[in-house]
C-alpha atoms as a PDB file:
ATOM      1  CA  MET A   1      -0.030   0.096   0.012  1.00  0.00           C
ATOM      2  CA  LEU A   2       1.250   3.474  -0.837  1.00  0.00           C
ATOM      3  CA  ARG A   3       1.584   5.570   2.059  1.00  0.00           C
ATOM      4  CA  ILE A   4       1.205   9.508   1.331  1.00  0.00           C
ATOM      5  CA  ASN A   5       3.102  11.800   3.506  1.00  0.00           C
ATOM      6  CA  ARG A   6       0.694  14.898   3.894  1.00  0.00           C
ATOM      7  CA  SER A   7       3.504  17.220   4.996  1.00  0.00           C
ATOM      8  CA  ARG A   8       5.459  16.479   1.624  1.00  0.00           C
ATOM      9  CA  ILE A   9       2.144  17.153  -0.411  1.00  0.00           C
ATOM     10  CA  TYR A  10       1.707  20.553   1.680  1.00  0.00           C
ATOM     11  CA  ILE A  11       5.294  21.604   1.249  1.00  0.00           C
ATOM     12  CA  SER A  12       5.324  20.854  -2.363  1.00  0.00           C
ATOM     13  CA  LEU A  13       1.869  22.805  -2.879  1.00  0.00           C
ATOM     14  CA  PHE A  14       3.429  25.571  -1.026  1.00  0.00           C
ATOM     15  CA  ILE A  15       6.518  25.729  -3.057  1.00  0.00           C
ATOM     16  CA  ALA A  16       4.506  25.597  -6.352  1.00  0.00           C
ATOM     17  CA  VAL A  17       2.400  28.160  -5.129  1.00  0.00           C
ATOM     18  CA  ALA A  18       5.293  30.217  -4.120  1.00  0.00           C
ATOM     19  CA  PHE A  19       7.032  29.973  -7.408  1.00  0.00           C
ATOM     20  CA  THR A  20       4.008  30.999  -9.478  1.00  0.00           C
ATOM     21  CA  GLN A  21       3.148  33.970  -7.385  1.00  0.00           C
ATOM     22  CA  GLY A  22       6.830  35.062  -6.959  1.00  0.00           C
ATOM     23  CA  CYS A  23       7.380  36.032 -10.434  1.00  0.00           C
ATOM     24  CA  TYR A  24       5.305  38.880 -11.523  1.00  0.00           C
ATOM     25  CA  TYR A  25       5.887  41.243 -14.506  1.00  0.00           C
ATOM     26  CA  ASP A  26       3.674  44.060 -15.797  1.00  0.00           C
ATOM     27  CA  LYS A  27       4.368  46.275 -18.656  1.00  0.00           C
ATOM     28  CA  GLU A  28       3.994  49.806 -17.304  1.00  0.00           C
ATOM     29  CA  GLU A  29       2.713  51.101 -20.835  1.00  0.00           C
ATOM     30  CA  LEU A  30      -0.066  48.649 -20.855  1.00  0.00           C
ATOM     31  CA  LEU A  31      -1.085  49.487 -17.242  1.00  0.00           C
ATOM     32  CA  TYR A  32      -0.444  53.356 -17.722  1.00  0.00           C
ATOM     33  CA  PRO A  33      -0.521  54.314 -21.271  1.00  0.00           C
ATOM     34  CA  GLY A  34       1.721  57.251 -21.939  1.00  0.00           C
ATOM     35  CA  SER A  35       3.413  56.865 -18.642  1.00  0.00           C
ATOM     36  CA  SER A  36       6.930  55.640 -20.056  1.00  0.00           C
ATOM     37  CA  THR A  37       6.644  57.652 -23.200  1.00  0.00           C
ATOM     38  CA  PRO A  38      10.105  59.631 -23.296  1.00  0.00           C
ATOM     39  CA  VAL A  39       9.788  63.224 -22.872  1.00  0.00           C
ATOM     40  CA  ASP A  40      12.579  65.459 -23.973  1.00  0.00           C
ATOM     41  CA  CYS A  41      12.281  68.187 -21.122  1.00  0.00           C
ATOM     42  CA  THR A  42      15.102  70.158 -22.872  1.00  0.00           C
ATOM     43  CA  THR A  43      12.384  71.344 -25.202  1.00  0.00           C
ATOM     44  CA  ILE A  44       9.852  71.983 -22.431  1.00  0.00           C
ATOM     45  CA  ASN A  45      10.875  74.839 -20.194  1.00  0.00           C
ATOM     46  CA  ALA A  46       8.352  74.506 -17.386  1.00  0.00           C
ATOM     47  CA  LYS A  47       8.267  77.267 -14.849  1.00  0.00           C
ATOM     48  CA  PHE A  48       6.489  76.976 -11.777  1.00  0.00           C
ATOM     49  CA  ALA A  49       4.727  80.558 -11.837  1.00  0.00           C
ATOM     50  CA  ALA A  50       4.008  80.690 -15.225  1.00  0.00           C
ATOM     51  CA  ASP A  51       3.057  76.902 -16.007  1.00  0.00           C
ATOM     52  CA  VAL A  52       2.583  74.769 -13.050  1.00  0.00           C
ATOM     53  CA  LEU A  53       0.886  76.923 -10.487  1.00  0.00           C
ATOM     54  CA  PRO A  54      -1.799  77.952 -13.006  1.00  0.00           C
ATOM     55  CA  LEU A  55      -2.373  74.249 -14.122  1.00  0.00           C
ATOM     56  CA  ILE A  56      -2.352  72.876 -10.427  1.00  0.00           C
ATOM     57  CA  SER A  57      -4.857  75.933  -9.398  1.00  0.00           C
ATOM     58  CA  SER A  58      -7.157  75.111 -12.227  1.00  0.00           C
ATOM     59  CA  LYS A  59      -7.193  71.251 -12.195  1.00  0.00           C
ATOM     60  CA  CYS A  60      -6.259  70.264  -8.677  1.00  0.00           C
ATOM     61  CA  ALA A  61      -6.723  73.099  -6.285  1.00  0.00           C
ATOM     62  CA  THR A  62     -10.407  73.470  -7.029  1.00  0.00           C
ATOM     63  CA  SER A  63     -13.310  73.505  -4.566  1.00  0.00           C
ATOM     64  CA  GLY A  64     -13.650  70.151  -2.589  1.00  0.00           C
ATOM     65  CA  CYS A  65     -10.153  69.004  -3.558  1.00  0.00           C
ATOM     66  CA  HIS A  66      -6.793  70.750  -2.849  1.00  0.00           C
ATOM     67  CA  ASP A  67      -7.950  74.154  -2.100  1.00  0.00           C
ATOM     68  CA  ALA A  68      -7.931  75.807   1.247  1.00  0.00           C
ATOM     69  CA  THR A  69     -10.505  73.382   2.635  1.00  0.00           C
ATOM     70  CA  ALA A  70      -8.023  70.542   1.789  1.00  0.00           C
ATOM     71  CA  SER A  71     -10.964  68.167   1.287  1.00  0.00           C
ATOM     72  CA  GLY A  72      -8.227  66.150  -0.820  1.00  0.00           C
ATOM     73  CA  GLY A  73      -6.031  66.065   2.110  1.00  0.00           C
ATOM     74  CA  LEU A  74      -3.490  68.343   0.836  1.00  0.00           C
ATOM     75  CA  ILE A  75      -3.568  71.937   0.017  1.00  0.00           C
ATOM     76  CA  PHE A  76      -2.039  73.173  -3.263  1.00  0.00           C
ATOM     77  CA  GLN A  77      -1.753  76.990  -3.214  1.00  0.00           C
ATOM     78  CA  ASN A  78       2.050  77.777  -3.257  1.00  0.00           C
ATOM     79  CA  HIS A  79       5.277  76.438  -4.132  1.00  0.00           C
ATOM     80  CA  ALA A  80       6.193  75.005  -0.676  1.00  0.00           C
ATOM     81  CA  GLN A  81       2.874  73.093  -0.621  1.00  0.00           C
ATOM     82  CA  ILE A  82       3.183  71.757  -4.223  1.00  0.00           C
ATOM     83  CA  SER A  83       6.694  70.950  -4.247  1.00  0.00           C
ATOM     84  CA  GLY A  84       6.451  69.319  -0.923  1.00  0.00           C
ATOM     85  CA  ALA A  85       4.070  66.906  -2.675  1.00  0.00           C
ATOM     86  CA  LYS A  86       5.882  66.539  -5.896  1.00  0.00           C
ATOM     87  CA  ASP A  87       6.594  62.873  -5.523  1.00  0.00           C
ATOM     88  CA  ARG A  88       2.791  62.138  -4.723  1.00  0.00           C
ATOM     89  CA  ILE A  89       1.643  64.526  -7.588  1.00  0.00           C
ATOM     90  CA  ASN A  90       4.078  62.558  -9.990  1.00  0.00           C
ATOM     91  CA  ILE A  91       2.698  59.205  -9.014  1.00  0.00           C
ATOM     92  CA  ARG A  92      -1.073  60.235  -8.915  1.00  0.00           C
ATOM     93  CA  ALA A  93      -1.415  62.660 -11.952  1.00  0.00           C
ATOM     94  CA  VAL A  94       1.568  61.672 -14.180  1.00  0.00           C
ATOM     95  CA  VAL A  95       2.374  57.804 -13.718  1.00  0.00           C
ATOM     96  CA  GLU A  96      -1.090  56.469 -12.675  1.00  0.00           C
ATOM     97  CA  LYS A  97      -3.125  59.299 -14.071  1.00  0.00           C
ATOM     98  CA  SER A  98      -5.605  58.702 -11.323  1.00  0.00           C
ATOM     99  CA  MET A  99      -5.670  62.481 -10.500  1.00  0.00           C
ATOM    100  CA  PRO A 100      -7.451  64.892 -10.789  1.00  0.00           C
ATOM    101  CA  GLU A 101     -10.666  63.154 -10.034  1.00  0.00           C
ATOM    102  CA  ALA A 102     -12.404  64.991 -13.058  1.00  0.00           C
ATOM    103  CA  GLY A 103     -10.168  62.850 -15.374  1.00  0.00           C
ATOM    104  CA  PRO A 104      -6.589  62.666 -16.256  1.00  0.00           C
ATOM    105  CA  LEU A 105      -4.493  65.553 -17.431  1.00  0.00           C
ATOM    106  CA  GLN A 106      -3.767  66.195 -21.271  1.00  0.00           C
ATOM    107  CA  PRO A 107      -0.530  64.725 -22.211  1.00  0.00           C
ATOM    108  CA  SER A 108       1.005  68.285 -22.558  1.00  0.00           C
ATOM    109  CA  GLU A 109      -0.097  69.236 -19.179  1.00  0.00           C
ATOM    110  CA  ILE A 110       1.541  65.928 -17.769  1.00  0.00           C
ATOM    111  CA  ASN A 111       4.612  66.749 -19.716  1.00  0.00           C
ATOM    112  CA  ILE A 112       4.744  70.219 -17.851  1.00  0.00           C
ATOM    113  CA  ILE A 113       4.427  68.744 -14.465  1.00  0.00           C
ATOM    114  CA  ARG A 114       6.916  65.870 -15.355  1.00  0.00           C
ATOM    115  CA  CYS A 115       9.530  68.078 -16.711  1.00  0.00           C
ATOM    116  CA  TRP A 116       9.279  70.686 -13.803  1.00  0.00           C
ATOM    117  CA  ILE A 117       9.531  67.785 -11.433  1.00  0.00           C
ATOM    118  CA  GLU A 118      12.482  66.425 -13.024  1.00  0.00           C
ATOM    119  CA  SER A 119      14.351  69.865 -13.081  1.00  0.00           C
ATOM    120  CA  GLY A 120      14.124  69.645  -9.244  1.00  0.00           C
ATOM    121  CA  ALA A 121      10.788  71.609  -8.789  1.00  0.00           C
ATOM    122  CA  PRO A 122      12.329  74.794  -8.853  1.00  0.00           C
ATOM    123  CA  ASN A 123      10.486  77.995  -7.701  1.00  0.00           C
ATOM    124  CA  ASN A 124      10.977  79.861 -10.904  1.00  0.00           C
END
């Protein structure tokens, strides 16, 4: 009669599951179209006062979101507040395109934010 060792079965099953779950690969471009498209920031001279602040004021710092009420959790009204959240803005608005809630920014707007952040988020 064949004896089955349950612990060997459980260990084998665990290893099989670990190997199939351990290797996970997604293509960023398929998950977030346009997020990995190279942008030549030497051709986009994004200035905070002229480009970034008006964009964030009109798209993000709106009533009920990132305005003075901070319903969105963060206030985006000046350079210190916006540059302090630049990493989160990059993830949510540039990479994931999950913000603003009204819908993703246009590619040209994304490029302005991306290039401003890549240049060190200066107060210019």
